[in-house]
N, C-alpha and C. Protein backbone atom coordinates (compact mmCIF):
# COMPACT_ATOMS: atom_id res chain seq x y z
N MET A 1 24.98 16.07 -14.58
CA MET A 1 23.97 16.44 -15.54
C MET A 1 23.38 17.78 -15.10
N THR A 2 23.40 18.75 -15.99
CA THR A 2 22.81 20.04 -15.67
C THR A 2 21.82 20.42 -16.75
N SER A 3 20.91 21.30 -16.41
CA SER A 3 19.90 21.75 -17.35
C SER A 3 20.44 22.94 -18.13
N THR A 4 20.96 22.68 -19.33
CA THR A 4 21.52 23.75 -20.15
C THR A 4 20.69 24.00 -21.40
N ASP A 5 19.88 23.07 -21.79
CA ASP A 5 19.06 23.20 -22.99
C ASP A 5 17.78 23.97 -22.65
N PRO A 6 17.61 25.18 -23.21
CA PRO A 6 16.43 25.98 -22.88
C PRO A 6 15.12 25.36 -23.34
N SER A 7 15.17 24.40 -24.26
CA SER A 7 13.94 23.76 -24.73
C SER A 7 13.52 22.59 -23.82
N ARG A 8 14.40 22.18 -22.92
CA ARG A 8 14.10 21.06 -22.04
C ARG A 8 12.94 21.43 -21.11
N ASP A 9 12.06 20.48 -20.86
CA ASP A 9 10.90 20.71 -20.00
C ASP A 9 10.82 19.55 -19.00
N ILE A 10 11.57 19.67 -17.91
CA ILE A 10 11.60 18.64 -16.88
C ILE A 10 11.18 19.27 -15.56
N THR A 11 10.14 18.72 -14.97
CA THR A 11 9.67 19.17 -13.66
C THR A 11 9.94 18.07 -12.65
N PHE A 12 10.60 18.43 -11.57
CA PHE A 12 10.94 17.49 -10.50
C PHE A 12 10.05 17.81 -9.30
N VAL A 13 9.30 16.81 -8.85
CA VAL A 13 8.40 16.97 -7.71
C VAL A 13 8.87 16.02 -6.61
N LEU A 14 9.24 16.59 -5.47
CA LEU A 14 9.65 15.73 -4.38
C LEU A 14 9.03 16.17 -3.08
N GLY A 15 9.00 15.26 -2.13
CA GLY A 15 8.42 15.53 -0.82
C GLY A 15 8.44 14.27 0.02
N GLY A 16 7.94 14.39 1.22
CA GLY A 16 7.88 13.25 2.12
C GLY A 16 6.70 12.35 1.82
N ALA A 17 6.58 11.30 2.61
CA ALA A 17 5.46 10.38 2.47
C ALA A 17 4.16 11.13 2.74
N ARG A 18 3.16 10.89 1.89
CA ARG A 18 1.84 11.51 2.00
C ARG A 18 1.88 13.03 1.93
N SER A 19 2.84 13.56 1.20
CA SER A 19 2.96 15.02 1.06
C SER A 19 2.10 15.56 -0.07
N GLY A 20 1.59 14.67 -0.94
CA GLY A 20 0.80 15.10 -2.08
C GLY A 20 1.59 15.18 -3.37
N LYS A 21 2.80 14.63 -3.36
CA LYS A 21 3.67 14.77 -4.54
C LYS A 21 3.13 14.04 -5.77
N SER A 22 2.61 12.84 -5.62
CA SER A 22 2.08 12.11 -6.78
C SER A 22 0.85 12.80 -7.35
N ALA A 23 -0.07 13.21 -6.48
CA ALA A 23 -1.27 13.89 -6.96
C ALA A 23 -0.91 15.20 -7.66
N HIS A 24 0.06 15.92 -7.13
CA HIS A 24 0.50 17.18 -7.76
C HIS A 24 1.11 16.89 -9.13
N ALA A 25 1.96 15.89 -9.20
CA ALA A 25 2.59 15.52 -10.48
C ALA A 25 1.53 15.10 -11.50
N GLU A 26 0.53 14.37 -11.05
CA GLU A 26 -0.55 13.96 -11.95
C GLU A 26 -1.33 15.16 -12.46
N ARG A 27 -1.56 16.16 -11.60
CA ARG A 27 -2.24 17.39 -12.05
C ARG A 27 -1.39 18.12 -13.10
N LEU A 28 -0.08 18.19 -12.87
CA LEU A 28 0.79 18.84 -13.86
C LEU A 28 0.71 18.13 -15.21
N ALA A 29 0.73 16.81 -15.18
CA ALA A 29 0.65 16.04 -16.42
C ALA A 29 -0.70 16.26 -17.10
N ALA A 30 -1.78 16.20 -16.33
CA ALA A 30 -3.12 16.39 -16.90
C ALA A 30 -3.28 17.80 -17.45
N ASP A 31 -2.77 18.80 -16.72
CA ASP A 31 -2.90 20.19 -17.14
C ASP A 31 -2.05 20.52 -18.36
N SER A 32 -1.11 19.65 -18.71
CA SER A 32 -0.25 19.91 -19.88
C SER A 32 -1.06 19.86 -21.17
N GLY A 33 -2.20 19.13 -21.16
CA GLY A 33 -3.00 18.98 -22.36
C GLY A 33 -2.38 18.03 -23.38
N LEU A 34 -1.30 17.38 -23.01
CA LEU A 34 -0.59 16.46 -23.91
C LEU A 34 -0.99 15.02 -23.61
N PRO A 35 -0.79 14.13 -24.57
CA PRO A 35 -0.93 12.71 -24.25
C PRO A 35 0.08 12.36 -23.15
N VAL A 36 -0.33 11.50 -22.21
CA VAL A 36 0.52 11.18 -21.07
C VAL A 36 0.85 9.70 -21.03
N THR A 37 2.12 9.41 -20.77
CA THR A 37 2.55 8.06 -20.42
C THR A 37 3.03 8.10 -18.99
N TYR A 38 2.45 7.24 -18.18
CA TYR A 38 2.78 7.13 -16.77
C TYR A 38 3.74 5.96 -16.62
N ILE A 39 4.95 6.24 -16.16
CA ILE A 39 5.92 5.17 -15.92
C ILE A 39 5.92 4.88 -14.42
N ALA A 40 5.46 3.69 -14.08
CA ALA A 40 5.38 3.25 -12.69
C ALA A 40 6.59 2.38 -12.37
N THR A 41 7.26 2.69 -11.27
CA THR A 41 8.45 1.93 -10.89
C THR A 41 8.17 0.92 -9.78
N ALA A 42 6.96 0.90 -9.26
CA ALA A 42 6.64 0.06 -8.09
C ALA A 42 6.63 -1.42 -8.43
N ARG A 43 7.03 -2.19 -7.44
CA ARG A 43 6.83 -3.63 -7.42
C ARG A 43 5.91 -3.91 -6.25
N ILE A 44 4.85 -4.65 -6.51
CA ILE A 44 3.88 -4.94 -5.45
C ILE A 44 4.37 -6.14 -4.66
N GLY A 45 4.63 -5.91 -3.37
CA GLY A 45 5.18 -6.97 -2.54
C GLY A 45 4.24 -7.52 -1.49
N ASP A 46 3.15 -6.78 -1.21
CA ASP A 46 2.20 -7.25 -0.20
C ASP A 46 0.85 -6.59 -0.45
N GLY A 47 -0.14 -7.00 0.33
CA GLY A 47 -1.50 -6.52 0.14
C GLY A 47 -1.66 -5.03 0.41
N GLU A 48 -0.98 -4.52 1.41
CA GLU A 48 -1.08 -3.09 1.73
C GLU A 48 -0.54 -2.25 0.58
N PHE A 49 0.58 -2.67 0.02
CA PHE A 49 1.15 -1.91 -1.09
C PHE A 49 0.29 -2.05 -2.34
N ALA A 50 -0.31 -3.21 -2.53
CA ALA A 50 -1.22 -3.41 -3.66
C ALA A 50 -2.39 -2.43 -3.58
N GLU A 51 -2.87 -2.17 -2.36
CA GLU A 51 -3.95 -1.21 -2.17
C GLU A 51 -3.49 0.20 -2.52
N ARG A 52 -2.29 0.56 -2.15
CA ARG A 52 -1.74 1.88 -2.51
C ARG A 52 -1.69 2.04 -4.03
N VAL A 53 -1.21 1.02 -4.70
CA VAL A 53 -1.11 1.06 -6.16
C VAL A 53 -2.51 1.17 -6.77
N ARG A 54 -3.47 0.43 -6.24
CA ARG A 54 -4.84 0.49 -6.74
C ARG A 54 -5.39 1.91 -6.64
N LEU A 55 -5.17 2.57 -5.52
CA LEU A 55 -5.65 3.95 -5.35
C LEU A 55 -5.00 4.90 -6.35
N HIS A 56 -3.71 4.72 -6.60
CA HIS A 56 -3.03 5.53 -7.61
C HIS A 56 -3.66 5.30 -8.99
N ARG A 57 -3.91 4.04 -9.32
CA ARG A 57 -4.48 3.72 -10.64
C ARG A 57 -5.87 4.34 -10.80
N GLU A 58 -6.67 4.26 -9.76
CA GLU A 58 -8.03 4.81 -9.84
C GLU A 58 -8.03 6.33 -10.01
N ARG A 59 -7.02 6.98 -9.48
CA ARG A 59 -6.94 8.43 -9.54
C ARG A 59 -6.53 8.93 -10.93
N ARG A 60 -5.81 8.11 -11.67
CA ARG A 60 -5.31 8.52 -12.98
C ARG A 60 -6.37 8.36 -14.07
N PRO A 61 -6.34 9.25 -15.07
CA PRO A 61 -7.26 9.10 -16.20
C PRO A 61 -7.02 7.78 -16.93
N ALA A 62 -8.10 7.15 -17.33
CA ALA A 62 -8.02 5.84 -18.00
C ALA A 62 -7.30 5.90 -19.34
N HIS A 63 -7.30 7.07 -20.00
CA HIS A 63 -6.69 7.16 -21.33
C HIS A 63 -5.16 7.35 -21.28
N TRP A 64 -4.59 7.52 -20.10
CA TRP A 64 -3.14 7.60 -20.00
C TRP A 64 -2.53 6.23 -20.27
N SER A 65 -1.43 6.22 -20.97
CA SER A 65 -0.68 4.98 -21.17
C SER A 65 0.08 4.65 -19.89
N LEU A 66 0.23 3.37 -19.62
CA LEU A 66 0.97 2.92 -18.45
C LEU A 66 2.11 2.03 -18.89
N VAL A 67 3.29 2.32 -18.37
CA VAL A 67 4.46 1.47 -18.58
C VAL A 67 5.00 1.13 -17.20
N GLU A 68 5.17 -0.16 -16.93
CA GLU A 68 5.75 -0.57 -15.67
C GLU A 68 7.24 -0.81 -15.88
N ALA A 69 8.05 -0.09 -15.11
CA ALA A 69 9.51 -0.15 -15.27
C ALA A 69 10.18 -0.20 -13.91
N PRO A 70 10.11 -1.33 -13.24
CA PRO A 70 10.73 -1.41 -11.92
C PRO A 70 12.25 -1.37 -11.95
N LEU A 71 12.87 -1.71 -13.07
CA LEU A 71 14.33 -1.72 -13.16
C LEU A 71 14.87 -0.90 -14.32
N ASP A 72 14.34 -1.06 -15.53
CA ASP A 72 14.88 -0.37 -16.70
C ASP A 72 14.15 0.95 -16.93
N LEU A 73 14.38 1.89 -16.03
CA LEU A 73 13.73 3.19 -16.14
C LEU A 73 14.25 3.97 -17.33
N ALA A 74 15.54 3.87 -17.59
CA ALA A 74 16.11 4.59 -18.74
C ALA A 74 15.49 4.10 -20.05
N GLY A 75 15.37 2.80 -20.20
CA GLY A 75 14.77 2.25 -21.41
C GLY A 75 13.32 2.67 -21.57
N ALA A 76 12.57 2.64 -20.47
CA ALA A 76 11.17 3.05 -20.52
C ALA A 76 11.04 4.52 -20.87
N LEU A 77 11.91 5.37 -20.32
CA LEU A 77 11.87 6.80 -20.63
C LEU A 77 12.21 7.04 -22.09
N ARG A 78 13.25 6.41 -22.56
CA ARG A 78 13.63 6.59 -23.98
C ARG A 78 12.50 6.15 -24.92
N GLU A 79 11.82 5.08 -24.57
CA GLU A 79 10.73 4.55 -25.40
C GLU A 79 9.51 5.48 -25.38
N ALA A 80 9.19 6.04 -24.23
CA ALA A 80 7.97 6.85 -24.10
C ALA A 80 8.15 8.30 -24.51
N ASP A 81 9.36 8.82 -24.39
CA ASP A 81 9.61 10.24 -24.63
C ASP A 81 9.52 10.59 -26.11
N ARG A 82 8.82 11.69 -26.39
CA ARG A 82 8.78 12.26 -27.73
C ARG A 82 8.21 13.67 -27.63
N ALA A 83 8.50 14.48 -28.60
CA ALA A 83 7.98 15.85 -28.62
C ALA A 83 6.46 15.81 -28.62
N GLY A 84 5.84 16.77 -27.94
CA GLY A 84 4.38 16.83 -27.89
C GLY A 84 3.75 15.77 -27.02
N HIS A 85 4.51 15.23 -26.08
CA HIS A 85 4.04 14.15 -25.22
C HIS A 85 4.53 14.42 -23.80
N CYS A 86 3.79 13.97 -22.81
CA CYS A 86 4.20 14.10 -21.41
C CYS A 86 4.48 12.72 -20.83
N VAL A 87 5.60 12.60 -20.13
CA VAL A 87 5.95 11.38 -19.42
C VAL A 87 6.02 11.70 -17.94
N LEU A 88 5.27 10.95 -17.15
CA LEU A 88 5.29 11.11 -15.68
C LEU A 88 5.95 9.87 -15.09
N ILE A 89 7.04 10.05 -14.36
CA ILE A 89 7.76 8.95 -13.71
C ILE A 89 7.44 8.99 -12.22
N ASP A 90 6.86 7.92 -11.70
CA ASP A 90 6.51 7.85 -10.28
C ASP A 90 6.91 6.47 -9.76
N CYS A 91 7.99 6.34 -9.03
CA CYS A 91 8.88 7.35 -8.53
C CYS A 91 10.30 6.82 -8.43
N LEU A 92 11.24 7.74 -8.29
CA LEU A 92 12.66 7.37 -8.18
C LEU A 92 12.95 6.59 -6.91
N THR A 93 12.22 6.87 -5.85
CA THR A 93 12.42 6.23 -4.55
C THR A 93 12.25 4.71 -4.66
N LEU A 94 11.17 4.31 -5.29
CA LEU A 94 10.91 2.87 -5.45
C LEU A 94 11.86 2.25 -6.46
N TRP A 95 12.21 3.00 -7.50
CA TRP A 95 13.16 2.49 -8.49
C TRP A 95 14.49 2.16 -7.83
N LEU A 96 15.00 3.07 -7.01
CA LEU A 96 16.27 2.80 -6.32
C LEU A 96 16.15 1.60 -5.40
N ALA A 97 15.04 1.50 -4.68
CA ALA A 97 14.84 0.33 -3.81
C ALA A 97 14.85 -0.96 -4.63
N ASN A 98 14.22 -0.94 -5.79
CA ASN A 98 14.21 -2.12 -6.65
C ASN A 98 15.62 -2.49 -7.10
N LEU A 99 16.40 -1.46 -7.46
CA LEU A 99 17.77 -1.72 -7.91
C LEU A 99 18.64 -2.29 -6.79
N LEU A 100 18.54 -1.70 -5.62
CA LEU A 100 19.39 -2.12 -4.51
C LEU A 100 18.95 -3.43 -3.88
N PHE A 101 17.65 -3.66 -3.86
CA PHE A 101 17.13 -4.80 -3.11
C PHE A 101 16.43 -5.81 -4.00
N SER A 102 16.95 -5.98 -5.21
CA SER A 102 16.38 -6.98 -6.12
C SER A 102 16.60 -8.36 -5.52
N SER A 103 15.91 -9.33 -6.03
CA SER A 103 16.03 -10.69 -5.51
C SER A 103 17.47 -11.19 -5.59
N ALA A 104 18.21 -10.71 -6.58
CA ALA A 104 19.60 -11.14 -6.73
C ALA A 104 20.47 -10.65 -5.58
N SER A 105 20.13 -9.51 -5.00
CA SER A 105 20.95 -8.96 -3.93
C SER A 105 20.27 -9.03 -2.58
N ALA A 106 19.14 -9.71 -2.48
CA ALA A 106 18.37 -9.73 -1.25
C ALA A 106 19.13 -10.38 -0.10
N ASP A 107 20.01 -11.32 -0.39
CA ASP A 107 20.75 -12.01 0.67
C ASP A 107 22.07 -11.34 0.99
N GLN A 108 22.38 -10.26 0.30
CA GLN A 108 23.66 -9.58 0.51
C GLN A 108 23.49 -8.37 1.41
N ASP A 109 24.51 -8.11 2.23
CA ASP A 109 24.55 -6.89 3.01
C ASP A 109 25.29 -5.87 2.15
N ILE A 110 24.55 -4.97 1.54
CA ILE A 110 25.12 -4.02 0.59
C ILE A 110 25.83 -2.91 1.36
N ALA A 111 27.14 -2.78 1.13
CA ALA A 111 27.90 -1.73 1.79
C ALA A 111 28.29 -0.63 0.79
N VAL A 112 28.38 -1.01 -0.47
CA VAL A 112 28.70 -0.04 -1.53
C VAL A 112 27.70 -0.23 -2.66
N LEU A 113 27.55 0.80 -3.45
CA LEU A 113 26.61 0.76 -4.56
C LEU A 113 27.05 -0.28 -5.58
N PRO A 114 26.20 -1.25 -5.90
CA PRO A 114 26.56 -2.26 -6.90
C PRO A 114 26.81 -1.61 -8.27
N GLU A 115 27.70 -2.20 -9.03
CA GLU A 115 28.03 -1.67 -10.35
C GLU A 115 26.81 -1.61 -11.26
N SER A 116 25.91 -2.58 -11.14
CA SER A 116 24.70 -2.58 -11.96
C SER A 116 23.82 -1.36 -11.65
N THR A 117 23.80 -0.94 -10.40
CA THR A 117 23.02 0.25 -10.02
C THR A 117 23.71 1.51 -10.54
N ARG A 118 25.03 1.57 -10.45
CA ARG A 118 25.77 2.71 -11.02
C ARG A 118 25.47 2.84 -12.51
N GLU A 119 25.47 1.73 -13.21
CA GLU A 119 25.20 1.74 -14.65
C GLU A 119 23.76 2.18 -14.93
N ALA A 120 22.81 1.72 -14.11
CA ALA A 120 21.41 2.15 -14.27
C ALA A 120 21.30 3.66 -14.09
N PHE A 121 22.05 4.22 -13.14
CA PHE A 121 22.06 5.68 -12.93
C PHE A 121 22.61 6.40 -14.16
N VAL A 122 23.71 5.91 -14.70
CA VAL A 122 24.32 6.52 -15.88
C VAL A 122 23.33 6.51 -17.03
N GLN A 123 22.68 5.38 -17.24
CA GLN A 123 21.71 5.25 -18.32
C GLN A 123 20.52 6.19 -18.12
N PHE A 124 20.01 6.29 -16.88
CA PHE A 124 18.89 7.18 -16.61
C PHE A 124 19.28 8.64 -16.79
N ASP A 125 20.44 9.02 -16.25
CA ASP A 125 20.92 10.41 -16.41
C ASP A 125 21.00 10.78 -17.89
N SER A 126 21.52 9.86 -18.69
CA SER A 126 21.65 10.09 -20.13
C SER A 126 20.28 10.21 -20.80
N ALA A 127 19.37 9.31 -20.46
CA ALA A 127 18.02 9.36 -21.04
C ALA A 127 17.32 10.66 -20.66
N LEU A 128 17.46 11.09 -19.43
CA LEU A 128 16.83 12.33 -18.99
C LEU A 128 17.43 13.54 -19.72
N ALA A 129 18.73 13.51 -19.93
CA ALA A 129 19.40 14.62 -20.63
C ALA A 129 18.96 14.72 -22.09
N ASP A 130 18.51 13.62 -22.66
CA ASP A 130 18.14 13.59 -24.09
C ASP A 130 16.65 13.78 -24.34
N THR A 131 15.86 14.07 -23.32
CA THR A 131 14.41 14.13 -23.50
C THR A 131 13.98 15.26 -24.42
N ARG A 132 12.86 15.01 -25.11
CA ARG A 132 12.30 15.97 -26.07
C ARG A 132 10.92 16.45 -25.66
N GLY A 133 10.23 15.69 -24.85
CA GLY A 133 8.87 16.04 -24.43
C GLY A 133 8.85 16.66 -23.05
N LYS A 134 7.65 16.76 -22.50
CA LYS A 134 7.47 17.25 -21.13
C LYS A 134 7.66 16.06 -20.20
N ILE A 135 8.51 16.22 -19.21
CA ILE A 135 8.82 15.15 -18.27
C ILE A 135 8.50 15.63 -16.86
N VAL A 136 7.80 14.79 -16.09
CA VAL A 136 7.53 15.06 -14.69
C VAL A 136 8.08 13.87 -13.90
N VAL A 137 8.98 14.15 -12.97
CA VAL A 137 9.64 13.10 -12.19
C VAL A 137 9.28 13.28 -10.72
N VAL A 138 8.89 12.19 -10.06
CA VAL A 138 8.52 12.21 -8.64
C VAL A 138 9.56 11.44 -7.84
N SER A 139 9.89 11.98 -6.67
CA SER A 139 10.79 11.29 -5.75
C SER A 139 10.49 11.72 -4.32
N ASN A 140 10.93 10.92 -3.38
CA ASN A 140 10.80 11.28 -1.97
C ASN A 140 12.03 12.06 -1.53
N GLU A 141 11.79 12.98 -0.62
CA GLU A 141 12.89 13.65 0.09
C GLU A 141 12.97 12.96 1.44
N ILE A 142 13.97 12.11 1.60
CA ILE A 142 14.06 11.34 2.84
C ILE A 142 15.28 11.74 3.67
N GLY A 143 16.01 12.75 3.23
CA GLY A 143 17.23 13.13 3.93
C GLY A 143 17.04 14.21 4.98
N LEU A 144 15.83 14.47 5.40
CA LEU A 144 15.59 15.54 6.38
C LEU A 144 15.62 15.04 7.82
N GLY A 145 15.73 13.74 8.03
CA GLY A 145 15.69 13.18 9.37
C GLY A 145 17.07 12.84 9.89
N VAL A 146 17.09 11.95 10.85
CA VAL A 146 18.34 11.53 11.47
C VAL A 146 19.13 10.63 10.53
N VAL A 147 20.41 10.51 10.79
CA VAL A 147 21.24 9.59 10.00
C VAL A 147 20.85 8.16 10.39
N PRO A 148 20.51 7.33 9.40
CA PRO A 148 20.07 5.97 9.71
C PRO A 148 21.18 5.16 10.39
N LEU A 149 20.77 4.18 11.18
CA LEU A 149 21.73 3.37 11.94
C LEU A 149 22.45 2.34 11.10
N GLY A 150 21.76 1.66 10.19
CA GLY A 150 22.38 0.57 9.44
C GLY A 150 23.07 1.04 8.18
N SER A 151 24.11 0.30 7.78
CA SER A 151 24.88 0.69 6.59
C SER A 151 24.05 0.62 5.31
N VAL A 152 23.17 -0.36 5.21
CA VAL A 152 22.35 -0.48 4.00
C VAL A 152 21.38 0.71 3.90
N THR A 153 20.79 1.08 5.01
CA THR A 153 19.86 2.22 5.01
C THR A 153 20.60 3.52 4.73
N ARG A 154 21.80 3.68 5.31
CA ARG A 154 22.61 4.88 5.02
C ARG A 154 22.95 4.95 3.54
N LEU A 155 23.33 3.81 2.95
CA LEU A 155 23.64 3.78 1.52
C LEU A 155 22.42 4.21 0.71
N TYR A 156 21.25 3.68 1.06
CA TYR A 156 20.02 4.03 0.34
C TYR A 156 19.73 5.53 0.44
N VAL A 157 19.77 6.08 1.64
CA VAL A 157 19.49 7.50 1.84
C VAL A 157 20.51 8.35 1.08
N ASP A 158 21.79 7.99 1.18
CA ASP A 158 22.84 8.75 0.49
C ASP A 158 22.64 8.71 -1.03
N GLU A 159 22.38 7.53 -1.56
CA GLU A 159 22.26 7.41 -3.02
C GLU A 159 20.99 8.08 -3.54
N LEU A 160 19.89 8.01 -2.78
CA LEU A 160 18.69 8.71 -3.21
C LEU A 160 18.94 10.22 -3.19
N GLY A 161 19.64 10.69 -2.17
CA GLY A 161 19.98 12.11 -2.12
C GLY A 161 20.80 12.55 -3.31
N ARG A 162 21.78 11.75 -3.68
CA ARG A 162 22.62 12.07 -4.86
C ARG A 162 21.81 12.02 -6.14
N LEU A 163 20.94 11.01 -6.28
CA LEU A 163 20.08 10.90 -7.45
C LEU A 163 19.16 12.11 -7.53
N ASN A 164 18.54 12.49 -6.42
CA ASN A 164 17.66 13.65 -6.40
C ASN A 164 18.42 14.92 -6.79
N GLN A 165 19.64 15.07 -6.34
CA GLN A 165 20.43 16.25 -6.70
C GLN A 165 20.69 16.30 -8.20
N ARG A 166 21.00 15.17 -8.80
CA ARG A 166 21.26 15.15 -10.25
C ARG A 166 19.99 15.48 -11.03
N VAL A 167 18.86 14.92 -10.62
CA VAL A 167 17.61 15.20 -11.32
C VAL A 167 17.22 16.66 -11.14
N ALA A 168 17.39 17.20 -9.93
CA ALA A 168 17.08 18.61 -9.69
C ALA A 168 17.95 19.51 -10.57
N ALA A 169 19.22 19.17 -10.72
CA ALA A 169 20.12 19.97 -11.56
C ALA A 169 19.69 19.92 -13.02
N ALA A 170 19.20 18.78 -13.46
CA ALA A 170 18.78 18.62 -14.86
C ALA A 170 17.41 19.23 -15.14
N SER A 171 16.66 19.50 -14.08
CA SER A 171 15.28 19.97 -14.22
C SER A 171 15.21 21.47 -14.51
N THR A 172 14.14 21.84 -15.20
CA THR A 172 13.86 23.26 -15.42
C THR A 172 13.03 23.82 -14.27
N ARG A 173 12.29 22.94 -13.59
CA ARG A 173 11.50 23.33 -12.43
C ARG A 173 11.63 22.23 -11.37
N ALA A 174 11.62 22.65 -10.10
CA ALA A 174 11.60 21.69 -9.00
C ALA A 174 10.64 22.21 -7.94
N THR A 175 9.82 21.31 -7.41
CA THR A 175 8.81 21.65 -6.42
C THR A 175 8.93 20.71 -5.24
N LEU A 176 8.92 21.27 -4.04
CA LEU A 176 8.89 20.47 -2.82
C LEU A 176 7.46 20.50 -2.30
N MET A 177 6.88 19.33 -2.08
CA MET A 177 5.52 19.23 -1.56
C MET A 177 5.57 19.05 -0.05
N VAL A 178 4.80 19.88 0.67
CA VAL A 178 4.68 19.79 2.12
C VAL A 178 3.20 19.95 2.46
N ALA A 179 2.63 18.96 3.10
CA ALA A 179 1.22 19.00 3.52
C ALA A 179 0.29 19.37 2.37
N GLY A 180 0.59 18.83 1.19
CA GLY A 180 -0.25 19.07 0.03
C GLY A 180 -0.01 20.40 -0.66
N LEU A 181 0.94 21.18 -0.16
CA LEU A 181 1.21 22.50 -0.74
C LEU A 181 2.52 22.48 -1.51
N PRO A 182 2.51 22.99 -2.74
CA PRO A 182 3.73 23.03 -3.53
C PRO A 182 4.59 24.25 -3.19
N LEU A 183 5.85 24.01 -2.92
CA LEU A 183 6.81 25.08 -2.69
C LEU A 183 7.81 25.08 -3.84
N ALA A 184 7.83 26.14 -4.62
CA ALA A 184 8.74 26.22 -5.77
C ALA A 184 10.17 26.34 -5.29
N LEU A 185 11.01 25.43 -5.77
CA LEU A 185 12.43 25.45 -5.44
C LEU A 185 13.26 25.99 -6.61
N LYS A 186 12.74 25.79 -7.82
CA LYS A 186 13.49 26.15 -9.02
C LYS A 186 12.51 26.41 -10.14
N GLY A 187 12.77 27.45 -10.92
CA GLY A 187 12.00 27.71 -12.12
C GLY A 187 10.72 28.45 -11.95
């Protein structure tokens, strides 16, 4: 997927943990002046993560629409996207974790990408390529460290890297967040 349509408006914001990527993406959405739909991919699994989600919710304007899409991100994007509207997706990192580590696959040692995850990628890539509104996508950059020891973790890091590359290619702008500072990578 590449960004060939000059009317496409996709901003990709990525960075490490606590880099400021979500807050930056939220500012971009708010500054657009458009109605915003926030697509959250998180699944709350424990109290600490519930607190993180609560802080995110409190930071967002109350008038933004919220769609929770832990698995069907393509469907949520297609439903929310329209001209004159902003969709903020936060984040691809959690979406991939949900796909790979769903309850159905929790007991499996994943060595290769499941076909259902490949299909979810195809559907998301297609939905992103067809967007008409302003889209802001958030993801973690986790490939800057050492190669993980376990096969499941290596698969996760590799697939997130590939997903990030496809979204960056489709984007009109890409920003890397470091210590709360945006570094323009594209556009």
